[in-house]
């Protein structure tokens, strides 16, 4: 059995029953913005009176943050697609840090 390359990183467990409409991918981006290591594993579960159900395999925050969820539609089941962040908006032709 090969060693898990993520063994040295902690796992964050997130209960999707508590997040409202936030997707797994948005949750991961928020955690990275808050200072979590992008290599930290993130596992999603759903808690119920009957116990805990794993939703997805644990994956690094970076993996989740680089994707977005495409809900099931006529083209197929729910799936993950590459996420491209919107470019920063610059006001008055200046970079926001220089617009003081």
C-alpha atoms as a PDB file:
ATOM      1  CA  UNK A   1       0.000   0.000   0.000  1.00  0.00           C
ATOM      2  CA  UNK A   2       1.458   3.372  -0.970  1.00  0.00           C
ATOM      3  CA  UNK A   3       1.546   6.141   1.646  1.00  0.00           C
ATOM      4  CA  UNK A   4      -1.082   8.849   1.425  1.00  0.00           C
ATOM      5  CA  UNK A   5       0.670  12.000   0.205  1.00  0.00           C
ATOM      6  CA  UNK A   6      -1.737  14.063   2.341  1.00  0.00           C
ATOM      7  CA  UNK A   7      -1.035  12.257   5.640  1.00  0.00           C
ATOM      8  CA  UNK A   8       0.735  15.265   7.141  1.00  0.00           C
ATOM      9  CA  UNK A   9      -2.279  17.542   6.624  1.00  0.00           C
ATOM     10  CA  UNK A  10      -5.289  17.707   8.908  1.00  0.00           C
ATOM     11  CA  UNK A  11      -8.796  16.998   7.729  1.00  0.00           C
ATOM     12  CA  UNK A  12     -11.571  19.548   8.046  1.00  0.00           C
ATOM     13  CA  UNK A  13     -14.996  17.930   8.277  1.00  0.00           C
ATOM     14  CA  UNK A  14     -17.888  20.067   7.099  1.00  0.00           C
ATOM     15  CA  UNK A  15     -21.551  19.192   7.605  1.00  0.00           C
ATOM     16  CA  UNK A  16     -23.485  20.148   4.457  1.00  0.00           C
ATOM     17  CA  UNK A  17     -26.698  20.101   6.488  1.00  0.00           C
ATOM     18  CA  UNK A  18     -25.588  23.435   7.977  1.00  0.00           C
ATOM     19  CA  UNK A  19     -24.447  25.427   4.941  1.00  0.00           C
ATOM     20  CA  UNK A  20     -27.654  26.501   3.245  1.00  0.00           C
ATOM     21  CA  UNK A  21     -27.030  27.011  -0.450  1.00  0.00           C
ATOM     22  CA  UNK A  22     -23.209  27.343  -0.361  1.00  0.00           C
ATOM     23  CA  UNK A  23     -21.520  24.796  -2.588  1.00  0.00           C
ATOM     24  CA  UNK A  24     -18.572  22.663  -1.522  1.00  0.00           C
ATOM     25  CA  UNK A  25     -16.358  24.666  -3.852  1.00  0.00           C
ATOM     26  CA  UNK A  26     -17.356  28.043  -2.380  1.00  0.00           C
ATOM     27  CA  UNK A  27     -16.821  26.679   1.130  1.00  0.00           C
ATOM     28  CA  UNK A  28     -13.278  25.620   0.159  1.00  0.00           C
ATOM     29  CA  UNK A  29     -12.486  29.028  -1.365  1.00  0.00           C
ATOM     30  CA  UNK A  30     -13.763  30.718   1.809  1.00  0.00           C
ATOM     31  CA  UNK A  31     -11.563  28.479   3.987  1.00  0.00           C
ATOM     32  CA  UNK A  32      -8.468  29.294   1.907  1.00  0.00           C
ATOM     33  CA  UNK A  33      -9.259  33.032   2.089  1.00  0.00           C
ATOM     34  CA  UNK A  34      -9.538  32.621   5.879  1.00  0.00           C
ATOM     35  CA  UNK A  35      -5.974  31.263   5.971  1.00  0.00           C
ATOM     36  CA  UNK A  36      -6.350  27.476   5.806  1.00  0.00           C
ATOM     37  CA  UNK A  37      -3.580  25.592   4.022  1.00  0.00           C
ATOM     38  CA  UNK A  38      -4.750  24.708   0.477  1.00  0.00           C
ATOM     39  CA  UNK A  39      -3.407  21.162   0.981  1.00  0.00           C
ATOM     40  CA  UNK A  40      -5.633  20.546   4.028  1.00  0.00           C
ATOM     41  CA  UNK A  41      -8.127  17.810   3.279  1.00  0.00           C
ATOM     42  CA  UNK A  42     -11.792  18.732   3.286  1.00  0.00           C
ATOM     43  CA  UNK A  43     -14.441  16.079   3.767  1.00  0.00           C
ATOM     44  CA  UNK A  44     -18.150  16.702   3.454  1.00  0.00           C
ATOM     45  CA  UNK A  45     -20.763  14.853   5.448  1.00  0.00           C
ATOM     46  CA  UNK A  46     -24.459  15.097   6.232  1.00  0.00           C
ATOM     47  CA  UNK A  47     -25.544  14.504   9.806  1.00  0.00           C
ATOM     48  CA  UNK A  48     -28.981  13.170  10.565  1.00  0.00           C
ATOM     49  CA  UNK A  49     -30.714  11.523  13.514  1.00  0.00           C
ATOM     50  CA  UNK A  50     -29.712   8.200  11.919  1.00  0.00           C
ATOM     51  CA  UNK A  51     -25.982   9.018  11.904  1.00  0.00           C
ATOM     52  CA  UNK A  52     -23.392  10.568   9.637  1.00  0.00           C
ATOM     53  CA  UNK A  53     -23.219  10.021   5.883  1.00  0.00           C
ATOM     54  CA  UNK A  54     -20.058  10.832   3.905  1.00  0.00           C
ATOM     55  CA  UNK A  55     -20.904  12.849   0.798  1.00  0.00           C
ATOM     56  CA  UNK A  56     -17.602  13.012  -1.133  1.00  0.00           C
ATOM     57  CA  UNK A  57     -14.133  11.553  -0.634  1.00  0.00           C
ATOM     58  CA  UNK A  58     -11.827  13.927   1.269  1.00  0.00           C
ATOM     59  CA  UNK A  59      -9.892  16.106  -1.180  1.00  0.00           C
ATOM     60  CA  UNK A  60      -7.470  19.013  -0.651  1.00  0.00           C
ATOM     61  CA  UNK A  61      -9.005  22.478  -0.312  1.00  0.00           C
ATOM     62  CA  UNK A  62      -7.096  23.452  -3.464  1.00  0.00           C
ATOM     63  CA  UNK A  63      -8.918  20.753  -5.475  1.00  0.00           C
ATOM     64  CA  UNK A  64     -12.335  21.953  -4.309  1.00  0.00           C
ATOM     65  CA  UNK A  65     -11.460  25.633  -4.789  1.00  0.00           C
ATOM     66  CA  UNK A  66     -10.450  25.083  -8.427  1.00  0.00           C
ATOM     67  CA  UNK A  67     -13.901  23.757  -9.334  1.00  0.00           C
ATOM     68  CA  UNK A  68     -17.527  24.733  -9.426  1.00  0.00           C
ATOM     69  CA  UNK A  69     -20.622  22.584  -9.229  1.00  0.00           C
ATOM     70  CA  UNK A  70     -22.772  22.089 -12.303  1.00  0.00           C
ATOM     71  CA  UNK A  71     -26.113  20.800 -11.103  1.00  0.00           C
ATOM     72  CA  UNK A  72     -27.839  17.929 -12.901  1.00  0.00           C
ATOM     73  CA  UNK A  73     -29.539  19.001 -16.107  1.00  0.00           C
ATOM     74  CA  UNK A  74     -30.434  17.625 -19.541  1.00  0.00           C
ATOM     75  CA  UNK A  75     -26.704  17.250 -20.284  1.00  0.00           C
ATOM     76  CA  UNK A  76     -26.005  14.898 -17.383  1.00  0.00           C
ATOM     77  CA  UNK A  77     -25.814  14.356 -13.642  1.00  0.00           C
ATOM     78  CA  UNK A  78     -24.280  16.773 -11.151  1.00  0.00           C
ATOM     79  CA  UNK A  79     -20.620  17.318 -11.964  1.00  0.00           C
ATOM     80  CA  UNK A  80     -17.610  19.481 -11.177  1.00  0.00           C
ATOM     81  CA  UNK A  81     -16.200  21.890 -13.742  1.00  0.00           C
ATOM     82  CA  UNK A  82     -13.070  24.029 -13.765  1.00  0.00           C
ATOM     83  CA  UNK A  83     -13.599  27.321 -11.904  1.00  0.00           C
ATOM     84  CA  UNK A  84     -12.261  30.565 -13.333  1.00  0.00           C
ATOM     85  CA  UNK A  85     -12.333  33.483 -10.916  1.00  0.00           C
ATOM     86  CA  UNK A  86     -13.730  36.745 -12.224  1.00  0.00           C
ATOM     87  CA  UNK A  87     -11.012  39.343 -12.814  1.00  0.00           C
ATOM     88  CA  UNK A  88     -10.633  42.061 -10.199  1.00  0.00           C
ATOM     89  CA  UNK A  89     -12.512  45.254 -10.981  1.00  0.00           C
ATOM     90  CA  UNK A  90     -10.259  48.291 -11.090  1.00  0.00           C
ATOM     91  CA  UNK A  91     -11.853  51.669 -10.542  1.00  0.00           C
ATOM     92  CA  UNK A  92     -10.584  54.807 -12.234  1.00  0.00           C
ATOM     93  CA  UNK A  93      -7.881  52.941 -14.111  1.00  0.00           C
ATOM     94  CA  UNK A  94      -5.925  52.370 -10.891  1.00  0.00           C
ATOM     95  CA  UNK A  95      -5.120  49.177  -9.103  1.00  0.00           C
ATOM     96  CA  UNK A  96      -7.260  49.057  -5.907  1.00  0.00           C
ATOM     97  CA  UNK A  97      -4.150  49.217  -3.691  1.00  0.00           C
ATOM     98  CA  UNK A  98      -3.068  52.401  -5.459  1.00  0.00           C
ATOM     99  CA  UNK A  99      -6.464  54.092  -5.417  1.00  0.00           C
ATOM    100  CA  UNK A 100      -6.040  55.661  -1.965  1.00  0.00           C
END
